[in-house]
PDB file of N, CA and C in Angstrom:
ATOM      1  N   MET A   1      11.172   4.194  14.125  1.00  0.00           N
ATOM      2  CA  MET A   1      10.470   5.122  13.826  1.00  0.00           C
ATOM      3  C   MET A   1      10.157   5.180  12.185  1.00  0.00           C
ATOM      4  N   SER A   2      11.039   4.268  11.288  1.00  0.00           N
ATOM      5  CA  SER A   2      11.178   4.550   9.957  1.00  0.00           C
ATOM      6  C   SER A   2       9.938   3.454   9.742  1.00  0.00           C
ATOM      7  N   TYR A   3       9.792   2.455  10.546  1.00  0.00           N
ATOM      8  CA  TYR A   3       8.435   1.604   9.904  1.00  0.00           C
ATOM      9  C   TYR A   3       7.079   2.218  10.144  1.00  0.00           C
ATOM     10  N   ILE A   4       7.128   3.168  11.637  1.00  0.00           N
ATOM     11  CA  ILE A   4       5.923   4.016  11.369  1.00  0.00           C
ATOM     12  C   ILE A   4       5.608   4.567  10.331  1.00  0.00           C
ATOM     13  N   TYR A   5       6.635   5.542   9.965  1.00  0.00           N
ATOM     14  CA  TYR A   5       6.557   6.327   8.798  1.00  0.00           C
ATOM     15  C   TYR A   5       5.991   5.388   7.772  1.00  0.00           C
ATOM     16  N   LEU A   6       6.625   4.246   7.371  1.00  0.00           N
ATOM     17  CA  LEU A   6       5.930   3.344   6.373  1.00  0.00           C
ATOM     18  C   LEU A   6       4.666   2.801   6.417  1.00  0.00           C
ATOM     19  N   VAL A   7       4.141   2.412   7.602  1.00  0.00           N
ATOM     20  CA  VAL A   7       2.775   2.303   7.968  1.00  0.00           C
ATOM     21  C   VAL A   7       1.975   3.229   7.613  1.00  0.00           C
ATOM     22  N   ILE A   8       2.193   4.428   8.013  1.00  0.00           N
ATOM     23  CA  ILE A   8       1.368   5.732   7.601  1.00  0.00           C
ATOM     24  C   ILE A   8       1.499   5.966   6.201  1.00  0.00           C
ATOM     25  N   ALA A   9       2.237   5.656   5.543  1.00  0.00           N
ATOM     26  CA  ALA A   9       2.499   5.827   3.844  1.00  0.00           C
ATOM     27  C   ALA A   9       1.516   4.718   3.346  1.00  0.00           C
ATOM     28  N   ILE A  10       1.804   3.563   3.575  1.00  0.00           N
ATOM     29  CA  ILE A  10       0.840   2.620   3.304  1.00  0.00           C
ATOM     30  C   ILE A  10      -0.467   2.960   3.568  1.00  0.00           C
ATOM     31  N   LEU A  11      -0.957   3.493   4.838  1.00  0.00           N
ATOM     32  CA  LEU A  11      -2.558   3.588   5.111  1.00  0.00           C
ATOM     33  C   LEU A  11      -2.809   4.736   4.056  1.00  0.00           C
ATOM     34  N   LEU A  12      -2.236   5.790   4.067  1.00  0.00           N
ATOM     35  CA  LEU A  12      -2.600   7.121   3.207  1.00  0.00           C
ATOM     36  C   LEU A  12      -2.700   6.499   1.584  1.00  0.00           C
ATOM     37  N   GLU A  13      -1.662   5.608   1.080  1.00  0.00           N
ATOM     38  CA  GLU A  13      -1.746   5.206  -0.024  1.00  0.00           C
ATOM     39  C   GLU A  13      -3.248   4.589  -0.192  1.00  0.00           C
ATOM     40  N   ILE A  14      -3.633   3.416   0.459  1.00  0.00           N
ATOM     41  CA  ILE A  14      -4.931   2.852   0.373  1.00  0.00           C
ATOM     42  C   ILE A  14      -6.069   3.623   0.418  1.00  0.00           C
ATOM     43  N   CYS A  15      -5.915   4.732   1.324  1.00  0.00           N
ATOM     44  CA  CYS A  15      -6.951   5.985   1.338  1.00  0.00           C
ATOM     45  C   CYS A  15      -6.796   6.612   0.098  1.00  0.00           C
ATOM     46  N   ALA A  16      -5.860   7.141  -0.722  1.00  0.00           N
ATOM     47  CA  ALA A  16      -5.574   7.758  -1.508  1.00  0.00           C
ATOM     48  C   ALA A  16      -6.284   6.881  -2.953  1.00  0.00           C
ATOM     49  N   THR A  17      -5.909   5.486  -2.945  1.00  0.00           N
ATOM     50  CA  THR A  17      -6.547   4.841  -4.177  1.00  0.00           C
ATOM     51  C   THR A  17      -7.923   4.574  -3.984  1.00  0.00           C
ATOM     52  N   SER A  18      -8.333   4.283  -2.688  1.00  0.00           N
ATOM     53  CA  SER A  18      -9.793   4.195  -2.662  1.00  0.00           C
ATOM     54  C   SER A  18     -10.805   5.488  -2.871  1.00  0.00           C
ATOM     55  N   SER A  19     -10.108   6.449  -2.552  1.00  0.00           N
ATOM     56  CA  SER A  19     -10.395   7.888  -2.969  1.00  0.00           C
ATOM     57  C   SER A  19     -10.572   8.337  -4.502  1.00  0.00           C
ATOM     58  N   LEU A  20      -9.405   7.504  -5.326  1.00  0.00           N
ATOM     59  CA  LEU A  20      -9.341   7.760  -6.897  1.00  0.00           C
ATOM     60  C   LEU A  20     -10.412   6.828  -7.392  1.00  0.00           C
ATOM     61  N   LYS A  21     -10.961   5.694  -6.721  1.00  0.00           N
ATOM     62  CA  LYS A  21     -11.913   5.144  -7.106  1.00  0.00           C
ATOM     63  C   LYS A  21     -13.268   6.100  -6.995  1.00  0.00           C
ATOM     64  N   ALA A  22     -13.564   6.549  -6.039  1.00  0.00           N
ATOM     65  CA  ALA A  22     -14.705   7.403  -5.621  1.00  0.00           C
ATOM     66  C   ALA A  22     -14.718   8.659  -6.476  1.00  0.00           C
ATOM     67  N   SER A  23     -13.495   9.271  -7.074  1.00  0.00           N
ATOM     68  CA  SER A  23     -13.427  10.145  -8.020  1.00  0.00           C
ATOM     69  C   SER A  23     -14.168  10.162  -9.157  1.00  0.00           C
ATOM     70  N   GLU A  24     -14.781   8.910  -9.565  1.00  0.00           N
ATOM     71  CA  GLU A  24     -15.195   8.553 -10.719  1.00  0.00           C
ATOM     72  C   GLU A  24     -14.639   9.453 -11.993  1.00  0.00           C
ATOM     73  N   GLY A  25     -13.250   9.090 -12.153  1.00  0.00           N
ATOM     74  CA  GLY A  25     -12.690   9.425 -13.283  1.00  0.00           C
ATOM     75  C   GLY A  25     -12.497  10.971 -13.048  1.00  0.00           C
ATOM     76  N   PHE A  26     -12.006  11.387 -11.810  1.00  0.00           N
ATOM     77  CA  PHE A  26     -11.750  13.053 -11.578  1.00  0.00           C
ATOM     78  C   PHE A  26     -13.045  14.106 -11.850  1.00  0.00           C
ATOM     79  N   THR A  27     -14.215  13.464 -11.929  1.00  0.00           N
ATOM     80  CA  THR A  27     -15.387  14.039 -12.093  1.00  0.00           C
ATOM     81  C   THR A  27     -15.933  14.686 -10.561  1.00  0.00           C
ATOM     82  N   ASN A  28     -15.799  13.975  -9.520  1.00  0.00           N
ATOM     83  CA  ASN A  28     -15.840  14.161  -8.426  1.00  0.00           C
ATOM     84  C   ASN A  28     -14.652  14.911  -7.675  1.00  0.00           C
ATOM     85  N   TRP A  29     -14.895  16.361  -7.348  1.00  0.00           N
ATOM     86  CA  TRP A  29     -13.774  17.091  -7.033  1.00  0.00           C
ATOM     87  C   TRP A  29     -13.228  16.763  -5.353  1.00  0.00           C
ATOM     88  N   VAL A  30     -13.956  16.589  -4.883  1.00  0.00           N
ATOM     89  CA  VAL A  30     -13.730  16.116  -3.332  1.00  0.00           C
ATOM     90  C   VAL A  30     -12.862  15.116  -2.896  1.00  0.00           C
ATOM     91  N   PHE A  31     -13.125  13.640  -3.927  1.00  0.00           N
ATOM     92  CA  PHE A  31     -12.431  12.775  -3.810  1.00  0.00           C
ATOM     93  C   PHE A  31     -11.312  12.587  -4.768  1.00  0.00           C
ATOM     94  N   THR A  32     -11.418  13.667  -5.672  1.00  0.00           N
ATOM     95  CA  THR A  32      -9.854  13.875  -6.695  1.00  0.00           C
ATOM     96  C   THR A  32      -8.869  14.418  -5.865  1.00  0.00           C
ATOM     97  N   LEU A  33      -9.568  15.544  -4.925  1.00  0.00           N
ATOM     98  CA  LEU A  33      -8.430  16.344  -4.002  1.00  0.00           C
ATOM     99  C   LEU A  33      -7.759  15.295  -2.770  1.00  0.00           C
ATOM    100  N   LEU A  34      -8.836  14.594  -2.429  1.00  0.00           N
ATOM    101  CA  LEU A  34      -8.501  13.689  -1.245  1.00  0.00           C
ATOM    102  C   LEU A  34      -7.411  12.465  -1.942  1.00  0.00           C
ATOM    103  N   SER A  35      -7.542  12.311  -3.139  1.00  0.00           N
ATOM    104  CA  SER A  35      -6.544  11.208  -3.650  1.00  0.00           C
ATOM    105  C   SER A  35      -5.142  11.871  -3.934  1.00  0.00           C
ATOM    106  N   LEU A  36      -5.425  13.143  -4.452  1.00  0.00           N
ATOM    107  CA  LEU A  36      -4.201  13.735  -4.866  1.00  0.00           C
ATOM    108  C   LEU A  36      -3.267  13.974  -3.728  1.00  0.00           C
ATOM    109  N   ILE A  37      -4.051  14.562  -2.634  1.00  0.00           N
ATOM    110  CA  ILE A  37      -3.412  14.837  -1.137  1.00  0.00           C
ATOM    111  C   ILE A  37      -2.882  13.731  -0.574  1.00  0.00           C
ATOM    112  N   GLY A  38      -3.766  12.612  -0.811  1.00  0.00           N
ATOM    113  CA  GLY A  38      -3.118  11.373   0.085  1.00  0.00           C
ATOM    114  C   GLY A  38      -2.149  10.768  -0.717  1.00  0.00           C
ATOM    115  N   TYR A  39      -2.023  10.845  -1.940  1.00  0.00           N
ATOM    116  CA  TYR A  39      -0.518  10.268  -2.439  1.00  0.00           C
ATOM    117  C   TYR A  39       0.367  11.277  -2.308  1.00  0.00           C
ATOM    118  N   GLY A  40       0.407  12.529  -2.494  1.00  0.00           N
ATOM    119  CA  GLY A  40       1.643  13.334  -1.934  1.00  0.00           C
ATOM    120  C   GLY A  40       1.880  13.187  -0.466  1.00  0.00           C
ATOM    121  N   VAL A  41       1.001  13.209   0.464  1.00  0.00           N
ATOM    122  CA  VAL A  41       1.652  12.783   1.706  1.00  0.00           C
ATOM    123  C   VAL A  41       2.054  11.163   2.092  1.00  0.00           C
ATOM    124  N   SER A  42       1.558  10.295   1.434  1.00  0.00           N
ATOM    125  CA  SER A  42       1.984   9.272   1.359  1.00  0.00           C
ATOM    126  C   SER A  42       3.354   8.994   0.770  1.00  0.00           C
ATOM    127  N   PHE A  43       3.899   9.682  -0.308  1.00  0.00           N
ATOM    128  CA  PHE A  43       5.113   9.569  -0.684  1.00  0.00           C
ATOM    129  C   PHE A  43       6.021  10.337   0.253  1.00  0.00           C
ATOM    130  N   TYR A  44       5.643  11.437   0.828  1.00  0.00           N
ATOM    131  CA  TYR A  44       6.306  12.025   1.812  1.00  0.00           C
ATOM    132  C   TYR A  44       6.763  11.103   3.058  1.00  0.00           C
ATOM    133  N   PHE A  45       5.737  10.424   3.522  1.00  0.00           N
ATOM    134  CA  PHE A  45       6.045   9.578   4.698  1.00  0.00           C
ATOM    135  C   PHE A  45       7.053   8.049   4.059  1.00  0.00           C
ATOM    136  N   LEU A  46       6.752   7.905   2.870  1.00  0.00           N
ATOM    137  CA  LEU A  46       7.755   6.889   2.326  1.00  0.00           C
ATOM    138  C   LEU A  46       9.063   7.220   2.154  1.00  0.00           C
ATOM    139  N   SER A  47       9.061   8.768   1.818  1.00  0.00           N
ATOM    140  CA  SER A  47      10.642   9.019   1.695  1.00  0.00           C
ATOM    141  C   SER A  47      11.110   9.366   3.208  1.00  0.00           C
ATOM    142  N   MET A  48      10.387   9.523   4.003  1.00  0.00           N
ATOM    143  CA  MET A  48      11.046   9.484   5.523  1.00  0.00           C
ATOM    144  C   MET A  48      11.370   8.052   5.882  1.00  0.00           C
ATOM    145  N   ALA A  49      10.819   7.205   5.545  1.00  0.00           N
ATOM    146  CA  ALA A  49      10.952   5.861   5.985  1.00  0.00           C
ATOM    147  C   ALA A  49      12.221   5.515   5.103  1.00  0.00           C
ATOM    148  N   LEU A  50      12.472   5.847   3.931  1.00  0.00           N
ATOM    149  CA  LEU A  50      13.544   5.441   3.195  1.00  0.00           C
ATOM    150  C   LEU A  50      14.816   6.084   3.654  1.00  0.00           C
ATOM    151  N   ARG A  51      14.720   6.846   4.932  1.00  0.00           N
ATOM    152  CA  ARG A  51      16.141   7.389   5.374  1.00  0.00           C
ATOM    153  C   ARG A  51      16.766   6.021   6.188  1.00  0.00           C
ATOM    154  N   GLU A  52      16.022   5.216   6.785  1.00  0.00           N
ATOM    155  CA  GLU A  52      16.689   4.151   7.476  1.00  0.00           C
ATOM    156  C   GLU A  52      16.321   2.599   6.678  1.00  0.00           C
ATOM    157  N   ILE A  53      15.350   2.641   5.899  1.00  0.00           N
ATOM    158  CA  ILE A  53      14.955   1.260   5.287  1.00  0.00           C
ATOM    159  C   ILE A  53      15.352   1.213   3.685  1.00  0.00           C
ATOM    160  N   SER A  54      16.083   0.350   3.296  1.00  0.00           N
ATOM    161  CA  SER A  54      16.557   0.206   1.954  1.00  0.00           C
ATOM    162  C   SER A  54      15.383   0.205   1.279  1.00  0.00           C
ATOM    163  N   VAL A  55      15.607   0.916  -0.194  1.00  0.00           N
ATOM    164  CA  VAL A  55      14.340   1.337  -1.031  1.00  0.00           C
ATOM    165  C   VAL A  55      13.931   0.029  -1.639  1.00  0.00           C
ATOM    166  N   GLY A  56      14.512  -0.999  -1.847  1.00  0.00           N
ATOM    167  CA  GLY A  56      13.874  -2.162  -2.279  1.00  0.00           C
ATOM    168  C   GLY A  56      13.091  -2.715  -1.132  1.00  0.00           C
ATOM    169  N   ILE A  57      13.458  -2.936  -0.034  1.00  0.00           N
ATOM    170  CA  ILE A  57      12.473  -3.368   1.323  1.00  0.00           C
ATOM    171  C   ILE A  57      11.346  -2.748   1.183  1.00  0.00           C
ATOM    172  N   ALA A  58      11.593  -1.124   1.507  1.00  0.00           N
ATOM    173  CA  ALA A  58      10.477  -0.503   1.714  1.00  0.00           C
ATOM    174  C   ALA A  58       9.463  -0.605   0.782  1.00  0.00           C
ATOM    175  N   TYR A  59       9.765  -0.520  -0.750  1.00  0.00           N
ATOM    176  CA  TYR A  59       9.008  -0.476  -1.663  1.00  0.00           C
ATOM    177  C   TYR A  59       8.128  -1.849  -1.910  1.00  0.00           C
ATOM    178  N   ALA A  60       8.947  -2.848  -1.438  1.00  0.00           N
ATOM    179  CA  ALA A  60       8.119  -4.160  -1.441  1.00  0.00           C
ATOM    180  C   ALA A  60       7.149  -4.242  -0.470  1.00  0.00           C
ATOM    181  N   ILE A  61       7.355  -3.596   0.704  1.00  0.00           N
ATOM    182  CA  ILE A  61       6.401  -3.756   1.860  1.00  0.00           C
ATOM    183  C   ILE A  61       5.328  -2.776   1.542  1.00  0.00           C
ATOM    184  N   TRP A  62       5.650  -1.730   0.658  1.00  0.00           N
ATOM    185  CA  TRP A  62       4.655  -0.411   0.819  1.00  0.00           C
ATOM    186  C   TRP A  62       3.743  -0.982  -0.524  1.00  0.00           C
ATOM    187  N   SER A  63       4.312  -1.499  -1.494  1.00  0.00           N
ATOM    188  CA  SER A  63       3.515  -1.881  -2.496  1.00  0.00           C
ATOM    189  C   SER A  63       2.547  -3.020  -2.345  1.00  0.00           C
ATOM    190  N   GLY A  64       3.438  -4.378  -1.784  1.00  0.00           N
ATOM    191  CA  GLY A  64       2.500  -5.401  -1.597  1.00  0.00           C
ATOM    192  C   GLY A  64       1.380  -5.258  -0.509  1.00  0.00           C
ATOM    193  N   ILE A  65       1.813  -4.654   0.809  1.00  0.00           N
ATOM    194  CA  ILE A  65       0.658  -4.436   1.659  1.00  0.00           C
ATOM    195  C   ILE A  65      -0.367  -3.475   1.183  1.00  0.00           C
ATOM    196  N   GLY A  66       0.068  -2.378   0.450  1.00  0.00           N
ATOM    197  CA  GLY A  66      -0.957  -1.667  -0.098  1.00  0.00           C
ATOM    198  C   GLY A  66      -1.852  -2.429  -1.127  1.00  0.00           C
ATOM    199  N   THR A  67      -1.205  -3.215  -2.024  1.00  0.00           N
ATOM    200  CA  THR A  67      -2.358  -4.030  -2.993  1.00  0.00           C
ATOM    201  C   THR A  67      -3.013  -4.839  -2.168  1.00  0.00           C
ATOM    202  N   VAL A  68      -2.454  -5.483  -1.262  1.00  0.00           N
ATOM    203  CA  VAL A  68      -3.447  -6.522  -0.284  1.00  0.00           C
ATOM    204  C   VAL A  68      -4.536  -5.643   0.407  1.00  0.00           C
ATOM    205  N   GLY A  69      -4.339  -4.384   0.988  1.00  0.00           N
ATOM    206  CA  GLY A  69      -5.177  -3.359   1.532  1.00  0.00           C
ATOM    207  C   GLY A  69      -6.044  -2.912   0.635  1.00  0.00           C
ATOM    208  N   ILE A  70      -5.959  -2.704  -0.558  1.00  0.00           N
ATOM    209  CA  ILE A  70      -6.823  -2.307  -1.561  1.00  0.00           C
ATOM    210  C   ILE A  70      -7.745  -3.289  -2.213  1.00  0.00           C
ATOM    211  N   CYS A  71      -7.143  -4.434  -2.232  1.00  0.00           N
ATOM    212  CA  CYS A  71      -7.948  -5.714  -2.571  1.00  0.00           C
ATOM    213  C   CYS A  71      -9.002  -5.948  -1.627  1.00  0.00           C
ATOM    214  N   LEU A  72      -8.714  -5.765  -0.152  1.00  0.00           N
ATOM    215  CA  LEU A  72      -9.668  -6.192   0.809  1.00  0.00           C
ATOM    216  C   LEU A  72     -10.696  -5.014   0.961  1.00  0.00           C
ATOM    217  N   LEU A  73     -10.218  -3.708   0.754  1.00  0.00           N
ATOM    218  CA  LEU A  73     -11.022  -2.670   0.876  1.00  0.00           C
ATOM    219  C   LEU A  73     -12.279  -2.511  -0.393  1.00  0.00           C
ATOM    220  N   ALA A  74     -11.625  -2.983  -1.480  1.00  0.00           N
ATOM    221  CA  ALA A  74     -12.609  -3.269  -2.356  1.00  0.00           C
ATOM    222  C   ALA A  74     -13.745  -4.031  -2.222  1.00  0.00           C
ATOM    223  N   TRP A  75     -13.145  -5.168  -1.688  1.00  0.00           N
ATOM    224  CA  TRP A  75     -13.963  -6.461  -1.619  1.00  0.00           C
ATOM    225  C   TRP A  75     -15.084  -6.038  -0.221  1.00  0.00           C
ATOM    226  N   PHE A  76     -14.680  -5.289   0.852  1.00  0.00           N
ATOM    227  CA  PHE A  76     -15.694  -4.728   1.663  1.00  0.00           C
ATOM    228  C   PHE A  76     -16.409  -3.476   1.261  1.00  0.00           C
ATOM    229  N   VAL A  77     -16.027  -2.523   0.677  1.00  0.00           N
ATOM    230  CA  VAL A  77     -16.713  -1.491   0.348  1.00  0.00           C
ATOM    231  C   VAL A  77     -17.451  -1.332  -0.907  1.00  0.00           C
ATOM    232  N   TYR A  78     -16.728  -1.626  -2.068  1.00  0.00           N
ATOM    233  CA  TYR A  78     -17.079  -1.642  -3.396  1.00  0.00           C
ATOM    234  C   TYR A  78     -17.817  -3.063  -3.690  1.00  0.00           C
ATOM    235  N   LYS A  79     -17.621  -3.868  -2.643  1.00  0.00           N
ATOM    236  CA  LYS A  79     -18.542  -5.207  -2.974  1.00  0.00           C
ATOM    237  C   LYS A  79     -18.057  -5.908  -4.249  1.00  0.00           C
ATOM    238  N   GLN A  80     -16.630  -5.672  -4.400  1.00  0.00           N
ATOM    239  CA  GLN A  80     -16.046  -6.308  -5.675  1.00  0.00           C
ATOM    240  C   GLN A  80     -15.592  -7.699  -5.280  1.00  0.00           C
ATOM    241  N   ASN A  81     -15.926  -8.812  -6.106  1.00  0.00           N
ATOM    242  CA  ASN A  81     -15.468 -10.156  -5.986  1.00  0.00           C
ATOM    243  C   ASN A  81     -14.152 -10.664  -5.857  1.00  0.00           C
ATOM    244  N   LEU A  82     -13.856 -11.387  -5.082  1.00  0.00           N
ATOM    245  CA  LEU A  82     -12.390 -11.895  -5.061  1.00  0.00           C
ATOM    246  C   LEU A  82     -12.482 -13.357  -5.489  1.00  0.00           C
ATOM    247  N   SER A  83     -11.942 -13.565  -6.523  1.00  0.00           N
ATOM    248  CA  SER A  83     -12.083 -14.998  -7.110  1.00  0.00           C
ATOM    249  C   SER A  83     -10.829 -16.004  -6.203  1.00  0.00           C
ATOM    250  N   LEU A  84     -10.945 -17.112  -6.386  1.00  0.00           N
ATOM    251  CA  LEU A  84      -9.850 -17.843  -5.744  1.00  0.00           C
ATOM    252  C   LEU A  84      -8.593 -17.778  -6.358  1.00  0.00           C
ATOM    253  N   THR A  85      -8.394 -17.389  -7.626  1.00  0.00           N
ATOM    254  CA  THR A  85      -7.354 -16.953  -8.262  1.00  0.00           C
ATOM    255  C   THR A  85      -6.715 -15.803  -7.423  1.00  0.00           C
ATOM    256  N   SER A  86      -7.503 -14.916  -7.200  1.00  0.00           N
ATOM    257  CA  SER A  86      -7.419 -13.439  -6.704  1.00  0.00           C
ATOM    258  C   SER A  86      -6.805 -13.702  -5.278  1.00  0.00           C
ATOM    259  N   ILE A  87      -7.399 -14.497  -4.473  1.00  0.00           N
ATOM    260  CA  ILE A  87      -7.002 -14.844  -3.152  1.00  0.00           C
ATOM    261  C   ILE A  87      -5.639 -15.615  -3.108  1.00  0.00           C
ATOM    262  N   ILE A  88      -5.533 -16.339  -3.928  1.00  0.00           N
ATOM    263  CA  ILE A  88      -4.334 -17.123  -4.002  1.00  0.00           C
ATOM    264  C   ILE A  88      -3.057 -15.907  -4.196  1.00  0.00           C
ATOM    265  N   GLY A  89      -3.255 -15.055  -5.174  1.00  0.00           N
ATOM    266  CA  GLY A  89      -2.362 -13.950  -5.365  1.00  0.00           C
ATOM    267  C   GLY A  89      -1.925 -13.382  -4.336  1.00  0.00           C
ATOM    268  N   ILE A  90      -2.841 -12.864  -3.631  1.00  0.00           N
ATOM    269  CA  ILE A  90      -3.097 -12.159  -2.151  1.00  0.00           C
ATOM    270  C   ILE A  90      -2.131 -12.749  -1.216  1.00  0.00           C
ATOM    271  N   VAL A  91      -2.294 -14.202  -1.000  1.00  0.00           N
ATOM    272  CA  VAL A  91      -1.481 -14.972  -0.297  1.00  0.00           C
ATOM    273  C   VAL A  91      -0.144 -14.644  -0.889  1.00  0.00           C
ATOM    274  N   PHE A  92       0.206 -14.986  -2.041  1.00  0.00           N
ATOM    275  CA  PHE A  92       1.506 -15.178  -2.629  1.00  0.00           C
ATOM    276  C   PHE A  92       2.166 -13.483  -2.509  1.00  0.00           C
ATOM    277  N   ILE A  93       1.413 -12.465  -2.263  1.00  0.00           N
ATOM    278  CA  ILE A  93       1.901 -11.091  -2.006  1.00  0.00           C
ATOM    279  C   ILE A  93       2.365 -11.074  -0.744  1.00  0.00           C
ATOM    280  N   VAL A  94       1.762 -11.582   0.258  1.00  0.00           N
ATOM    281  CA  VAL A  94       2.002 -11.303   1.705  1.00  0.00           C
ATOM    282  C   VAL A  94       3.238 -12.441   1.830  1.00  0.00           C
ATOM    283  N   THR A  95       3.210 -13.485   1.408  1.00  0.00           N
ATOM    284  CA  THR A  95       4.361 -14.842   1.345  1.00  0.00           C
ATOM    285  C   THR A  95       5.567 -13.905   1.006  1.00  0.00           C
ATOM    286  N   GLY A  96       5.536 -13.312  -0.480  1.00  0.00           N
ATOM    287  CA  GLY A  96       6.501 -12.620  -0.990  1.00  0.00           C
ATOM    288  C   GLY A  96       7.011 -11.399   0.004  1.00  0.00           C
ATOM    289  N   VAL A  97       6.364 -10.706   0.776  1.00  0.00           N
ATOM    290  CA  VAL A  97       6.766  -9.620   1.676  1.00  0.00           C
ATOM    291  C   VAL A  97       7.198 -10.041   2.801  1.00  0.00           C
ATOM    292  N   VAL A  98       6.767 -11.295   3.436  1.00  0.00           N
ATOM    293  CA  VAL A  98       7.622 -11.782   4.590  1.00  0.00           C
ATOM    294  C   VAL A  98       8.955 -12.339   4.173  1.00  0.00           C
ATOM    295  N   ILE A  99       8.874 -12.912   3.048  1.00  0.00           N
ATOM    296  CA  ILE A  99      10.053 -13.536   2.683  1.00  0.00           C
ATOM    297  C   ILE A  99      11.174 -12.599   2.404  1.00  0.00           C
ATOM    298  N   VAL A 100      11.033 -11.220   1.618  1.00  0.00           N
ATOM    299  CA  VAL A 100      11.729 -10.284   1.404  1.00  0.00           C
ATOM    300  C   VAL A 100      12.195  -9.874   2.793  1.00  0.00           C
ATOM    301  N   ASN A 101      11.296  -9.474   3.814  1.00  0.00           N
ATOM    302  CA  ASN A 101      12.020  -9.291   5.021  1.00  0.00           C
ATOM    303  C   ASN A 101      12.482  -9.969   5.846  1.00  0.00           C
ATOM    304  N   LEU A 102      12.635 -11.478   5.717  1.00  0.00           N
ATOM    305  CA  LEU A 102      13.275 -12.451   6.266  1.00  0.00           C
ATOM    306  C   LEU A 102      14.559 -12.363   5.722  1.00  0.00           C
ATOM    307  N   GLY A 103      14.824 -12.038   4.361  1.00  0.00           N
ATOM    308  CA  GLY A 103      16.050 -12.194   3.309  1.00  0.00           C
ATOM    309  C   GLY A 103      16.768 -10.992   4.154  1.00  0.00           C
ATOM    310  N   ASN A 104      16.189  -9.993   4.533  1.00  0.00           N
ATOM    311  CA  ASN A 104      16.800  -8.543   4.768  1.00  0.00           C
ATOM    312  C   ASN A 104      17.379  -8.804   6.254  1.00  0.00           C
ATOM    313  N   ILE A 105      16.780  -9.354   7.198  1.00  0.00           N
ATOM    314  CA  ILE A 105      16.936  -9.854   8.525  1.00  0.00           C
ATOM    315  C   ILE A 105      18.171 -10.420   8.617  1.00  0.00           C
ATOM    316  N   SER A 106      18.490 -11.426   7.569  1.00  0.00           N
ATOM    317  CA  SER A 106      19.674 -12.239   7.657  1.00  0.00           C
ATOM    318  C   SER A 106      20.621 -11.588   7.354  1.00  0.00           C
ATOM    319  N   HIS A 107      20.670 -10.725   6.380  1.00  0.00           N
ATOM    320  CA  HIS A 107      21.970  -9.896   5.907  1.00  0.00           C
ATOM    321  C   HIS A 107      22.231  -8.901   6.961  1.00  0.00           C
ATOM    322  N   HIS A 108      21.595  -8.806   7.811  1.00  0.00           N
ATOM    323  CA  HIS A 108      21.934  -7.771   8.933  1.00  0.00           C
ATOM    324  C   HIS A 108      22.447  -8.399  10.456  1.00  0.00           C
ATOM    325  N   THR A 109      22.294  -9.725  10.397  1.00  0.00           N
ATOM    326  CA  THR A 109      22.629 -10.523  11.564  1.00  0.00           C
ATOM    327  C   THR A 109      24.107 -11.300  11.479  1.00  0.00           C
TER     328      THR A 109
END
């Protein structure tokens, strides 16, 4: 169940960050509120995930996948370009999250 909480936290963090962009510097109150609520609920679910997942592992997954998600969302929704360097960085982030998780599995076997 803790990984389900973590997935919910990641999705909410991606939505909140997207809303932050749409808030246009907190001038659009609808997106400002969506952003603040999204971050708050995201942190709540992250805290629920931390009951069973170590903080280092959970944060690596949360921030890594969140970063990749935001980059992809910005590419699709806001038409922001992803350079080759950015794409390589995204691949490194995903690789890092996988390696961190593999290291965690080997410590528990």
